[in-house]
């Protein structure tokens, strides 16, 4: 069982930055592929970014490429999402997720249904 706790959300003006953190406990973080998803009011939960367990392979949804950076620190059991040049359309609840015990070091996952564990979410609000 992996327990995930997000932090770092808040209210920022358009053009601002936030750094989200997701701390993992209770499982083997280093063998999990990790992802960030977001859910805007009245919409489905959408993929934002993913990182392999090795940290070498990353993938982003097109709307955040060049603005967001996902990273991980396996020694601290933490995955991060650095968000720059924020836009009002980035507003939503951001969730981190873990796909546990993946075999391939460079495996990444963009399908929310294939993640095993989820955090409770952290609110990000970008004002115009």
C-alpha atoms as a PDB file:
ATOM      1  CA  UNK A   1       0.000   0.000   0.000  1.00  0.00           C
ATOM      2  CA  UNK A   2       1.393   3.377  -1.056  1.00  0.00           C
ATOM      3  CA  UNK A   3       0.140   6.535   0.620  1.00  0.00           C
ATOM      4  CA  UNK A   4       0.555   9.765  -1.354  1.00  0.00           C
ATOM      5  CA  UNK A   5       0.314  13.277   0.025  1.00  0.00           C
ATOM      6  CA  UNK A   6       0.366  16.336  -2.232  1.00  0.00           C
ATOM      7  CA  UNK A   7       1.305  19.842  -1.165  1.00  0.00           C
ATOM      8  CA  UNK A   8       2.255  23.168  -2.680  1.00  0.00           C
ATOM      9  CA  UNK A   9      -0.999  24.273  -4.243  1.00  0.00           C
ATOM     10  CA  UNK A  10      -2.396  27.762  -3.867  1.00  0.00           C
ATOM     11  CA  UNK A  11      -3.639  30.925  -5.551  1.00  0.00           C
ATOM     12  CA  UNK A  12      -1.312  32.645  -8.002  1.00  0.00           C
ATOM     13  CA  UNK A  13      -1.727  35.299 -10.692  1.00  0.00           C
ATOM     14  CA  UNK A  14      -1.381  34.397 -14.337  1.00  0.00           C
ATOM     15  CA  UNK A  15       2.291  34.133 -15.243  1.00  0.00           C
ATOM     16  CA  UNK A  16       3.242  32.980 -11.783  1.00  0.00           C
ATOM     17  CA  UNK A  17       4.836  29.748 -10.611  1.00  0.00           C
ATOM     18  CA  UNK A  18       4.106  26.980  -8.161  1.00  0.00           C
ATOM     19  CA  UNK A  19       5.956  23.829  -7.187  1.00  0.00           C
ATOM     20  CA  UNK A  20       3.852  20.856  -6.217  1.00  0.00           C
ATOM     21  CA  UNK A  21       5.273  18.032  -4.138  1.00  0.00           C
ATOM     22  CA  UNK A  22       3.976  14.537  -3.614  1.00  0.00           C
ATOM     23  CA  UNK A  23       5.444  12.528  -0.753  1.00  0.00           C
ATOM     24  CA  UNK A  24       5.055   8.758  -0.812  1.00  0.00           C
ATOM     25  CA  UNK A  25       5.070   6.383   2.124  1.00  0.00           C
ATOM     26  CA  UNK A  26       4.229   2.775   2.885  1.00  0.00           C
ATOM     27  CA  UNK A  27       5.514   1.242  -0.312  1.00  0.00           C
ATOM     28  CA  UNK A  28       8.447   1.032  -2.705  1.00  0.00           C
ATOM     29  CA  UNK A  29       8.540   4.447  -4.304  1.00  0.00           C
ATOM     30  CA  UNK A  30      11.630   3.712  -6.354  1.00  0.00           C
ATOM     31  CA  UNK A  31       9.850   0.959  -8.298  1.00  0.00           C
ATOM     32  CA  UNK A  32       6.796   3.074  -9.076  1.00  0.00           C
ATOM     33  CA  UNK A  33       6.155   5.129 -12.164  1.00  0.00           C
ATOM     34  CA  UNK A  34       4.558   8.406 -11.112  1.00  0.00           C
ATOM     35  CA  UNK A  35       2.140  10.815 -12.679  1.00  0.00           C
ATOM     36  CA  UNK A  36       0.346  14.100 -12.158  1.00  0.00           C
ATOM     37  CA  UNK A  37      -3.261  14.641 -13.192  1.00  0.00           C
ATOM     38  CA  UNK A  38      -5.622  17.571 -12.782  1.00  0.00           C
ATOM     39  CA  UNK A  39      -9.341  18.025 -12.613  1.00  0.00           C
ATOM     40  CA  UNK A  40     -11.069  21.303 -13.389  1.00  0.00           C
ATOM     41  CA  UNK A  41     -14.574  21.968 -12.028  1.00  0.00           C
ATOM     42  CA  UNK A  42     -17.158  19.988 -13.948  1.00  0.00           C
ATOM     43  CA  UNK A  43     -14.550  18.187 -16.027  1.00  0.00           C
ATOM     44  CA  UNK A  44     -12.852  14.827 -16.042  1.00  0.00           C
ATOM     45  CA  UNK A  45      -9.475  14.158 -14.526  1.00  0.00           C
ATOM     46  CA  UNK A  46      -6.838  14.744 -17.204  1.00  0.00           C
ATOM     47  CA  UNK A  47      -3.243  13.663 -17.587  1.00  0.00           C
ATOM     48  CA  UNK A  48      -0.613  16.354 -17.007  1.00  0.00           C
ATOM     49  CA  UNK A  49       2.803  14.709 -16.694  1.00  0.00           C
ATOM     50  CA  UNK A  50       4.437  11.361 -16.003  1.00  0.00           C
ATOM     51  CA  UNK A  51       7.890  10.170 -15.027  1.00  0.00           C
ATOM     52  CA  UNK A  52       9.483   6.739 -15.110  1.00  0.00           C
ATOM     53  CA  UNK A  53      10.813   5.079 -11.993  1.00  0.00           C
ATOM     54  CA  UNK A  54      14.332   5.802 -13.193  1.00  0.00           C
ATOM     55  CA  UNK A  55      13.499   9.470 -13.714  1.00  0.00           C
ATOM     56  CA  UNK A  56      15.021   9.341 -17.187  1.00  0.00           C
ATOM     57  CA  UNK A  57      11.778   9.215 -19.153  1.00  0.00           C
ATOM     58  CA  UNK A  58       9.185  11.987 -18.929  1.00  0.00           C
ATOM     59  CA  UNK A  59       6.041  12.849 -20.816  1.00  0.00           C
ATOM     60  CA  UNK A  60       3.762  15.877 -20.788  1.00  0.00           C
ATOM     61  CA  UNK A  61       0.409  16.784 -22.171  1.00  0.00           C
ATOM     62  CA  UNK A  62       0.816  19.281 -25.008  1.00  0.00           C
ATOM     63  CA  UNK A  63      -0.724  22.220 -23.155  1.00  0.00           C
ATOM     64  CA  UNK A  64       1.985  22.226 -20.466  1.00  0.00           C
ATOM     65  CA  UNK A  65       5.074  21.425 -22.531  1.00  0.00           C
ATOM     66  CA  UNK A  66       7.769  24.023 -21.999  1.00  0.00           C
ATOM     67  CA  UNK A  67       6.052  25.342 -18.847  1.00  0.00           C
ATOM     68  CA  UNK A  68       5.855  22.381 -16.461  1.00  0.00           C
ATOM     69  CA  UNK A  69       8.640  20.059 -15.330  1.00  0.00           C
ATOM     70  CA  UNK A  70       8.166  16.769 -13.529  1.00  0.00           C
ATOM     71  CA  UNK A  71      11.004  15.350 -11.444  1.00  0.00           C
ATOM     72  CA  UNK A  72      11.549  12.874  -8.662  1.00  0.00           C
ATOM     73  CA  UNK A  73      13.914  12.269  -5.779  1.00  0.00           C
ATOM     74  CA  UNK A  74      13.923   8.577  -4.949  1.00  0.00           C
ATOM     75  CA  UNK A  75      16.017   9.183  -1.835  1.00  0.00           C
ATOM     76  CA  UNK A  76      13.224  11.403  -0.488  1.00  0.00           C
ATOM     77  CA  UNK A  77      10.322   9.345  -1.891  1.00  0.00           C
ATOM     78  CA  UNK A  78       8.993  12.493  -3.505  1.00  0.00           C
ATOM     79  CA  UNK A  79       7.841  13.555  -6.955  1.00  0.00           C
ATOM     80  CA  UNK A  80       7.597  17.201  -7.950  1.00  0.00           C
ATOM     81  CA  UNK A  81       5.779  19.278 -10.522  1.00  0.00           C
ATOM     82  CA  UNK A  82       7.339  22.668 -11.210  1.00  0.00           C
ATOM     83  CA  UNK A  83       4.758  24.865 -12.897  1.00  0.00           C
ATOM     84  CA  UNK A  84       5.850  28.108 -14.560  1.00  0.00           C
ATOM     85  CA  UNK A  85       4.035  30.659 -16.696  1.00  0.00           C
ATOM     86  CA  UNK A  86       0.752  29.549 -15.203  1.00  0.00           C
ATOM     87  CA  UNK A  87      -2.466  30.288 -17.053  1.00  0.00           C
ATOM     88  CA  UNK A  88      -6.054  30.483 -15.778  1.00  0.00           C
ATOM     89  CA  UNK A  89      -6.804  27.258 -17.671  1.00  0.00           C
ATOM     90  CA  UNK A  90      -4.297  25.461 -15.428  1.00  0.00           C
ATOM     91  CA  UNK A  91      -6.737  25.880 -12.541  1.00  0.00           C
ATOM     92  CA  UNK A  92      -7.912  22.667 -10.931  1.00  0.00           C
ATOM     93  CA  UNK A  93      -7.234  20.042  -8.323  1.00  0.00           C
ATOM     94  CA  UNK A  94      -3.896  18.391  -8.959  1.00  0.00           C
ATOM     95  CA  UNK A  95      -3.445  14.755  -8.044  1.00  0.00           C
ATOM     96  CA  UNK A  96      -0.341  12.631  -7.983  1.00  0.00           C
ATOM     97  CA  UNK A  97      -0.575   8.939  -8.694  1.00  0.00           C
ATOM     98  CA  UNK A  98       1.638   5.866  -8.496  1.00  0.00           C
ATOM     99  CA  UNK A  99       1.792   2.877 -10.800  1.00  0.00           C
ATOM    100  CA  UNK A 100       3.410   0.393  -8.447  1.00  0.00           C
ATOM    101  CA  UNK A 101       6.088  -2.192  -9.072  1.00  0.00           C
ATOM    102  CA  UNK A 102       6.724  -1.478 -12.723  1.00  0.00           C
ATOM    103  CA  UNK A 103       9.286  -3.740 -14.334  1.00  0.00           C
ATOM    104  CA  UNK A 104      10.873  -1.480 -16.913  1.00  0.00           C
ATOM    105  CA  UNK A 105      12.928   1.406 -15.581  1.00  0.00           C
ATOM    106  CA  UNK A 106      11.794   3.772 -18.342  1.00  0.00           C
ATOM    107  CA  UNK A 107       8.109   2.842 -18.308  1.00  0.00           C
ATOM    108  CA  UNK A 108       5.705   5.770 -18.108  1.00  0.00           C
ATOM    109  CA  UNK A 109       1.915   5.779 -17.978  1.00  0.00           C
ATOM    110  CA  UNK A 110      -0.562   8.395 -19.164  1.00  0.00           C
ATOM    111  CA  UNK A 111      -3.769   6.415 -18.570  1.00  0.00           C
ATOM    112  CA  UNK A 112      -5.298   7.248 -15.206  1.00  0.00           C
ATOM    113  CA  UNK A 113      -6.990   3.852 -15.051  1.00  0.00           C
ATOM    114  CA  UNK A 114      -3.634   2.105 -14.893  1.00  0.00           C
ATOM    115  CA  UNK A 115      -2.466   3.881 -11.767  1.00  0.00           C
ATOM    116  CA  UNK A 116      -2.779   2.021  -8.480  1.00  0.00           C
ATOM    117  CA  UNK A 117      -2.632   4.744  -5.841  1.00  0.00           C
ATOM    118  CA  UNK A 118      -3.791   8.353  -5.665  1.00  0.00           C
ATOM    119  CA  UNK A 119      -3.260  11.292  -3.371  1.00  0.00           C
ATOM    120  CA  UNK A 120      -6.051  13.463  -2.015  1.00  0.00           C
ATOM    121  CA  UNK A 121      -5.259  16.348  -4.348  1.00  0.00           C
ATOM    122  CA  UNK A 122      -4.117  19.936  -3.947  1.00  0.00           C
ATOM    123  CA  UNK A 123      -5.961  22.963  -5.326  1.00  0.00           C
ATOM    124  CA  UNK A 124      -4.257  25.233  -7.824  1.00  0.00           C
ATOM    125  CA  UNK A 125      -6.038  28.445  -8.749  1.00  0.00           C
ATOM    126  CA  UNK A 126      -4.616  30.825 -11.344  1.00  0.00           C
ATOM    127  CA  UNK A 127      -6.243  34.233 -11.471  1.00  0.00           C
ATOM    128  CA  UNK A 128      -6.440  36.255 -14.668  1.00  0.00           C
END
